Amino acid sequence: MNVCHLSGKKRSSRAAPVCLVLLCFLLLTAVIVLSVFIYTNNTNSAEERRQLITNIANITEDRDKLLSIITNITEDKEKLLTDIINLTEIKDKVLINITNLEEDRDELLNKITTFTKVRNEILKKNANLLKDKDQLIKQLQVFGQEAYYQSSFYYLSSERKSWTESRRDCKDRGADLIIINNKQEQDFIMKITSNNEFWIGLTDSDKEGIWKWVDGSNLTSRFWASSGSITEPNGRKTENCAVTHLKKHPELIGWLDVACDGAYQWICEKNILPVTS
């Protein structure tokens, strides 16, 4: 029994170092494996961290680019909004201008219509004037010795007749005995008659002392002759018609009243509008 017991103790004492060595080996292996694992993990983490930093940098750059793009888009949007506002204002102005132009067009059309009417009236009046001119020319062809002053034609007769017969001759010519309206016309008549005796269209036959022209108008401009003690008119009821001059009284310059049945030359007057070409 003792021998066996001693033998067992010897085997137990040899196995203990073996187990310790084996345990140390296993522990060393575990440390190595753990060290490799930790190293590997640390290497991968550093690489991932670098990659992450790179990605962050890229994302930050992309973000800045996007922000820049957004800023540009915002500025473009504001410019577009400003352009839209300006275009709207221009559109409104254009619409106002169109309205004004339409009003001007309508006004011009109205004026054209009015001018057309006026033109037609003028053409019609011109045609009438041409017709009247032709008629006047025909009437003036019956005048013999004639003169023109302002808007009147004058016919100076070469015959001698009474005042009534002289007026009838003027009527036959489409005229009447002369009416002298002012000093200028009086001077003109004195010039063309050369101090010869001519009937004028002045009489007080209707009422003594009330001298009237042949058209019924009252005498306003008076050119009666006077010299010394003689003052015309002075014939009272026996002398009711007027002449331009009397040769038997050369000193008297101006009208004289004479008997209406005397024989004198006469002046016919045809009053017309000036004929323009």
Protein backbone atom coordinates (compact mmCIF):
# COMPACT_ATOMS: atom_id res chain seq x y z
CA MET A 1 0.00 0.00 0.00
CA ASN A 2 2.82 2.49 0.78
CA VAL A 3 4.61 1.78 -2.49
CA CYS A 4 1.52 2.53 -4.50
CA HIS A 5 0.89 5.62 -2.48
CA LEU A 6 4.44 6.95 -3.15
CA SER A 7 4.20 6.18 -6.83
CA GLY A 8 0.98 8.14 -7.08
CA LYS A 9 2.54 11.15 -5.45
CA LYS A 10 5.44 11.21 -7.94
CA ARG A 11 3.08 11.19 -10.96
CA SER A 12 1.02 14.00 -9.45
CA SER A 13 4.04 16.23 -8.87
CA ARG A 14 5.15 15.84 -12.55
CA ALA A 15 1.74 16.62 -13.97
CA ALA A 16 1.45 19.95 -12.19
CA PRO A 17 4.27 21.74 -14.13
CA VAL A 18 2.96 20.32 -17.35
CA CYS A 19 -0.46 21.72 -16.62
CA LEU A 20 1.08 25.05 -15.63
CA VAL A 21 3.10 25.21 -18.84
CA LEU A 22 0.05 24.29 -20.84
CA LEU A 23 -1.97 26.96 -19.05
CA CYS A 24 0.70 29.59 -19.72
CA PHE A 25 0.77 28.62 -23.37
CA LEU A 26 -2.97 28.90 -23.63
CA LEU A 27 -2.84 32.28 -21.84
CA LEU A 28 -0.10 33.50 -24.14
CA THR A 29 -2.04 32.34 -27.16
CA ALA A 30 -5.11 34.12 -25.88
CA VAL A 31 -3.10 37.32 -25.30
CA ILE A 32 -1.62 37.10 -28.79
CA VAL A 33 -5.00 36.50 -30.38
CA LEU A 34 -6.52 39.36 -28.36
CA SER A 35 -3.62 41.65 -29.27
CA VAL A 36 -4.04 40.79 -32.96
CA PHE A 37 -7.76 41.39 -32.69
CA ILE A 38 -7.32 44.72 -30.93
CA TYR A 39 -4.67 45.81 -33.42
CA THR A 40 -6.81 44.82 -36.32
CA ASN A 41 -9.79 46.65 -34.87
CA ASN A 42 -7.70 49.76 -34.20
CA THR A 43 -6.36 49.76 -37.78
CA ASN A 44 -9.85 49.41 -39.27
CA SER A 45 -11.20 52.15 -36.96
CA ALA A 46 -8.45 54.60 -38.00
CA GLU A 47 -9.14 53.89 -41.65
CA GLU A 48 -12.85 54.29 -41.11
CA ARG A 49 -12.22 57.48 -39.17
CA ARG A 50 -10.12 58.87 -42.03
CA GLN A 51 -12.81 57.85 -44.49
CA LEU A 52 -15.46 59.40 -42.28
CA ILE A 53 -13.49 62.65 -42.06
CA THR A 54 -13.10 62.61 -45.83
CA ASN A 55 -16.82 61.97 -46.26
CA ILE A 56 -17.62 64.78 -43.82
CA ALA A 57 -15.30 67.10 -45.72
CA ASN A 58 -16.98 66.12 -49.01
CA ILE A 59 -20.43 66.53 -47.49
CA THR A 60 -19.44 69.94 -46.09
CA GLU A 61 -18.13 70.99 -49.51
CA ASP A 62 -21.30 69.71 -51.17
CA ARG A 63 -23.36 71.55 -48.54
CA ASP A 64 -21.47 74.79 -49.25
CA LYS A 65 -22.00 74.26 -52.97
CA LEU A 66 -25.69 73.62 -52.37
CA LEU A 67 -25.92 76.72 -50.17
CA SER A 68 -24.20 78.73 -52.90
CA ILE A 69 -26.60 77.31 -55.48
CA ILE A 70 -29.55 78.07 -53.18
CA THR A 71 -28.24 81.63 -52.71
CA ASN A 72 -27.88 82.07 -56.48
CA ILE A 73 -31.34 80.63 -57.05
CA THR A 74 -32.74 82.99 -54.40
CA GLU A 75 -31.04 85.96 -56.08
CA ASP A 76 -32.30 84.82 -59.48
CA LYS A 77 -35.78 84.44 -58.00
CA GLU A 78 -35.65 87.98 -56.62
CA LYS A 79 -34.41 89.27 -59.97
CA LEU A 80 -37.20 87.41 -61.71
CA LEU A 81 -39.73 88.86 -59.27
CA THR A 82 -38.30 92.35 -59.93
CA ASP A 83 -38.46 91.73 -63.68
CA ILE A 84 -42.03 90.51 -63.34
CA ILE A 85 -42.95 93.69 -61.40
CA ASN A 86 -41.21 95.85 -64.02
CA LEU A 87 -42.89 93.95 -66.86
CA THR A 88 -46.23 94.36 -65.11
CA GLU A 89 -45.65 98.12 -64.86
CA ILE A 90 -44.58 98.23 -68.52
CA LYS A 91 -47.67 96.21 -69.45
CA ASP A 92 -49.89 98.66 -67.57
CA LYS A 93 -48.21 101.59 -69.30
CA VAL A 94 -48.57 99.87 -72.66
CA LEU A 95 -52.27 99.28 -71.97
CA ILE A 96 -52.66 102.95 -71.02
CA ASN A 97 -50.83 103.97 -74.19
CA ILE A 98 -53.03 101.67 -76.24
CA THR A 99 -56.11 103.22 -74.65
CA ASN A 100 -54.79 106.71 -75.37
CA LEU A 101 -53.90 105.74 -78.93
CA GLU A 102 -57.38 104.32 -79.44
CA GLU A 103 -58.88 107.57 -78.13
CA ASP A 104 -56.55 109.57 -80.42
CA ARG A 105 -57.50 107.29 -83.31
CA ASP A 106 -61.20 107.82 -82.65
CA GLU A 107 -60.64 111.57 -82.38
CA LEU A 108 -58.67 111.56 -85.64
CA LEU A 109 -61.41 109.54 -87.32
CA ASN A 110 -63.97 112.07 -86.11
CA LYS A 111 -61.80 114.91 -87.39
CA ILE A 112 -61.33 113.13 -90.70
CA THR A 113 -65.09 112.70 -90.93
CA THR A 114 -65.59 116.37 -90.09
CA PHE A 115 -62.87 117.47 -92.54
CA THR A 116 -64.42 115.28 -95.21
CA LYS A 117 -67.79 116.96 -94.66
CA VAL A 118 -66.14 120.40 -94.70
CA ARG A 119 -64.19 119.49 -97.83
CA ASN A 120 -67.36 118.30 -99.54
CA GLU A 121 -69.11 121.51 -98.51
CA ILE A 122 -66.17 123.55 -99.81
CA LEU A 123 -66.18 121.62 -103.08
CA LYS A 124 -69.91 122.21 -103.35
CA LYS A 125 -69.50 125.91 -102.59
CA ASN A 126 -66.61 126.11 -105.04
CA ALA A 127 -68.79 124.52 -107.69
CA ASN A 128 -71.51 127.04 -106.89
CA LEU A 129 -68.96 129.86 -107.01
CA LEU A 130 -67.73 128.68 -110.38
CA LYS A 131 -71.31 128.58 -111.56
CA ASP A 132 -71.93 132.07 -110.14
CA LYS A 133 -68.72 133.27 -111.76
CA ASP A 134 -69.86 131.99 -115.12
CA GLN A 135 -73.21 133.70 -114.65
CA LEU A 136 -71.44 136.87 -113.54
CA ILE A 137 -69.19 136.81 -116.57
CA LYS A 138 -72.27 136.51 -118.74
CA GLN A 139 -73.87 139.42 -116.91
CA LEU A 140 -70.72 141.53 -117.15
CA GLN A 141 -70.62 140.96 -120.89
CA VAL A 142 -73.53 143.40 -121.13
CA PHE A 143 -71.33 146.09 -119.51
CA GLY A 144 -69.67 148.47 -121.92
CA GLN A 145 -67.17 150.85 -120.35
CA GLU A 146 -66.50 149.30 -116.94
CA ALA A 147 -64.27 149.58 -113.87
CA TYR A 148 -63.61 147.43 -110.80
CA TYR A 149 -63.09 148.61 -107.22
CA GLN A 150 -62.98 146.47 -104.05
CA SER A 151 -65.91 144.05 -104.54
CA SER A 152 -67.90 145.95 -107.16
CA PHE A 153 -67.98 146.35 -110.93
CA TYR A 154 -68.97 149.76 -112.29
CA TYR A 155 -70.53 150.53 -115.65
CA LEU A 156 -70.23 154.09 -116.96
CA SER A 157 -72.78 154.87 -119.63
CA SER A 158 -72.01 156.93 -122.72
CA GLU A 159 -75.66 157.87 -123.24
CA ARG A 160 -77.74 160.39 -121.34
CA LYS A 161 -81.10 159.55 -119.79
CA SER A 162 -83.35 160.51 -116.90
CA TRP A 163 -82.69 159.12 -113.42
CA THR A 164 -85.57 156.59 -113.71
CA GLU A 165 -84.54 155.45 -117.20
CA SER A 166 -80.91 155.20 -116.10
CA ARG A 167 -81.86 152.99 -113.17
CA ARG A 168 -83.97 150.80 -115.46
CA ASP A 169 -80.93 150.28 -117.69
CA CYS A 170 -78.87 149.24 -114.66
CA LYS A 171 -81.60 146.79 -113.63
CA ASP A 172 -81.57 145.30 -117.13
CA ARG A 173 -77.85 144.71 -116.67
CA GLY A 174 -78.39 142.89 -113.35
CA ALA A 175 -77.08 145.87 -111.38
CA ASP A 176 -78.39 149.17 -109.95
CA LEU A 177 -77.40 152.80 -109.75
CA ILE A 178 -74.22 153.26 -107.71
CA ILE A 179 -74.24 153.46 -103.88
CA ILE A 180 -71.26 155.37 -102.47
CA ASN A 181 -70.40 154.04 -99.02
CA ASN A 182 -67.23 155.89 -97.99
CA LYS A 183 -64.63 158.53 -98.85
CA GLN A 184 -62.39 156.04 -100.64
CA GLU A 185 -65.19 155.01 -102.99
CA GLN A 186 -66.17 158.68 -103.52
CA ASP A 187 -62.57 159.51 -104.50
CA PHE A 188 -62.52 156.52 -106.85
CA ILE A 189 -65.75 157.64 -108.56
CA MET A 190 -64.53 161.23 -108.91
CA LYS A 191 -61.38 159.89 -110.53
CA ILE A 192 -63.06 157.65 -113.11
CA THR A 193 -65.78 160.19 -114.00
CA SER A 194 -63.24 162.99 -114.66
CA ASN A 195 -65.67 165.69 -113.44
CA ASN A 196 -68.37 164.57 -115.84
CA GLU A 197 -72.06 164.47 -114.87
CA PHE A 198 -73.33 161.04 -113.77
CA TRP A 199 -76.44 159.92 -111.98
CA ILE A 200 -75.91 158.14 -108.65
CA GLY A 201 -78.44 156.00 -106.78
CA LEU A 202 -79.51 158.70 -104.30
CA THR A 203 -82.96 160.31 -104.09
CA ASP A 204 -85.43 161.96 -101.70
CA SER A 205 -88.44 161.37 -103.96
CA ASP A 206 -90.31 159.41 -101.28
CA LYS A 207 -89.97 162.07 -98.57
CA GLU A 208 -88.53 165.52 -99.09
CA GLY A 209 -85.24 166.02 -97.29
CA ILE A 210 -84.82 162.32 -96.41
CA TRP A 211 -82.20 161.12 -98.85
CA LYS A 212 -81.95 157.35 -99.36
CA TRP A 213 -80.00 155.04 -101.58
CA VAL A 214 -81.70 152.79 -104.14
CA ASP A 215 -81.42 149.77 -101.79
CA GLY A 216 -83.52 151.63 -99.19
CA SER A 217 -80.60 152.37 -96.82
CA ASN A 218 -80.26 155.82 -95.25
CA LEU A 219 -77.57 158.24 -96.34
CA THR A 220 -74.69 158.15 -93.84
CA SER A 221 -71.55 159.34 -95.63
CA ARG A 222 -72.37 162.75 -97.16
CA PHE A 223 -70.31 164.31 -99.94
CA TRP A 224 -72.54 167.21 -100.96
CA ALA A 225 -70.91 170.10 -102.78
CA SER A 226 -70.60 173.53 -101.22
CA SER A 227 -68.91 176.77 -102.25
CA GLY A 228 -69.46 180.26 -100.94
CA SER A 229 -73.19 180.80 -100.45
CA ILE A 230 -74.12 177.58 -102.26
CA THR A 231 -74.68 174.49 -100.15
CA GLU A 232 -76.13 171.32 -101.61
CA PRO A 233 -78.75 169.92 -101.58
CA ASN A 234 -80.78 173.07 -102.14
CA GLY A 235 -83.37 172.28 -104.80
CA ARG A 236 -86.14 171.38 -102.38
CA LYS A 237 -89.07 169.55 -104.05
CA THR A 238 -87.99 170.32 -107.63
CA GLU A 239 -84.64 168.56 -107.38
CA ASN A 240 -84.94 165.07 -105.88
CA CYS A 241 -82.09 163.15 -107.55
CA ALA A 242 -78.31 163.47 -107.26
CA VAL A 243 -75.42 163.68 -109.73
CA THR A 244 -71.65 163.52 -109.24
CA HIS A 245 -70.88 166.93 -110.80
CA LEU A 246 -72.35 169.82 -112.80
CA LYS A 247 -70.30 171.43 -115.56
CA LYS A 248 -72.19 174.69 -115.19
CA HIS A 249 -70.91 174.91 -111.62
CA PRO A 250 -67.28 173.72 -111.90
CA GLU A 251 -66.46 175.38 -108.59
CA LEU A 252 -68.73 172.90 -106.77
CA ILE A 253 -66.88 169.70 -105.89
CA GLY A 254 -69.24 167.00 -104.70
CA TRP A 255 -72.81 165.85 -105.18
CA LEU A 256 -75.56 168.12 -106.40
CA ASP A 257 -79.32 167.66 -106.37
CA VAL A 258 -81.02 168.13 -109.72
CA ALA A 259 -84.40 167.42 -111.32
CA CYS A 260 -84.89 163.68 -111.82
CA ASP A 261 -86.10 164.12 -115.42
CA GLY A 262 -82.85 165.72 -116.54
CA ALA A 263 -80.60 163.88 -118.98
CA TYR A 264 -77.24 162.73 -117.63
CA GLN A 265 -74.93 159.79 -117.94
CA TRP A 266 -75.18 157.19 -115.19
CA ILE A 267 -73.07 154.72 -113.21
CA CYS A 268 -74.29 151.16 -112.59
CA GLU A 269 -72.79 149.12 -109.74
CA LYS A 270 -72.67 145.32 -109.53
CA ASN A 271 -71.56 144.21 -106.06
CA ILE A 272 -69.91 140.79 -105.98
CA LEU A 273 -67.49 138.77 -103.88
CA PRO A 274 -63.93 138.99 -105.20
CA VAL A 275 -63.34 136.25 -107.74
CA THR A 276 -60.16 134.33 -106.83
CA SER A 277 -58.42 131.80 -109.02
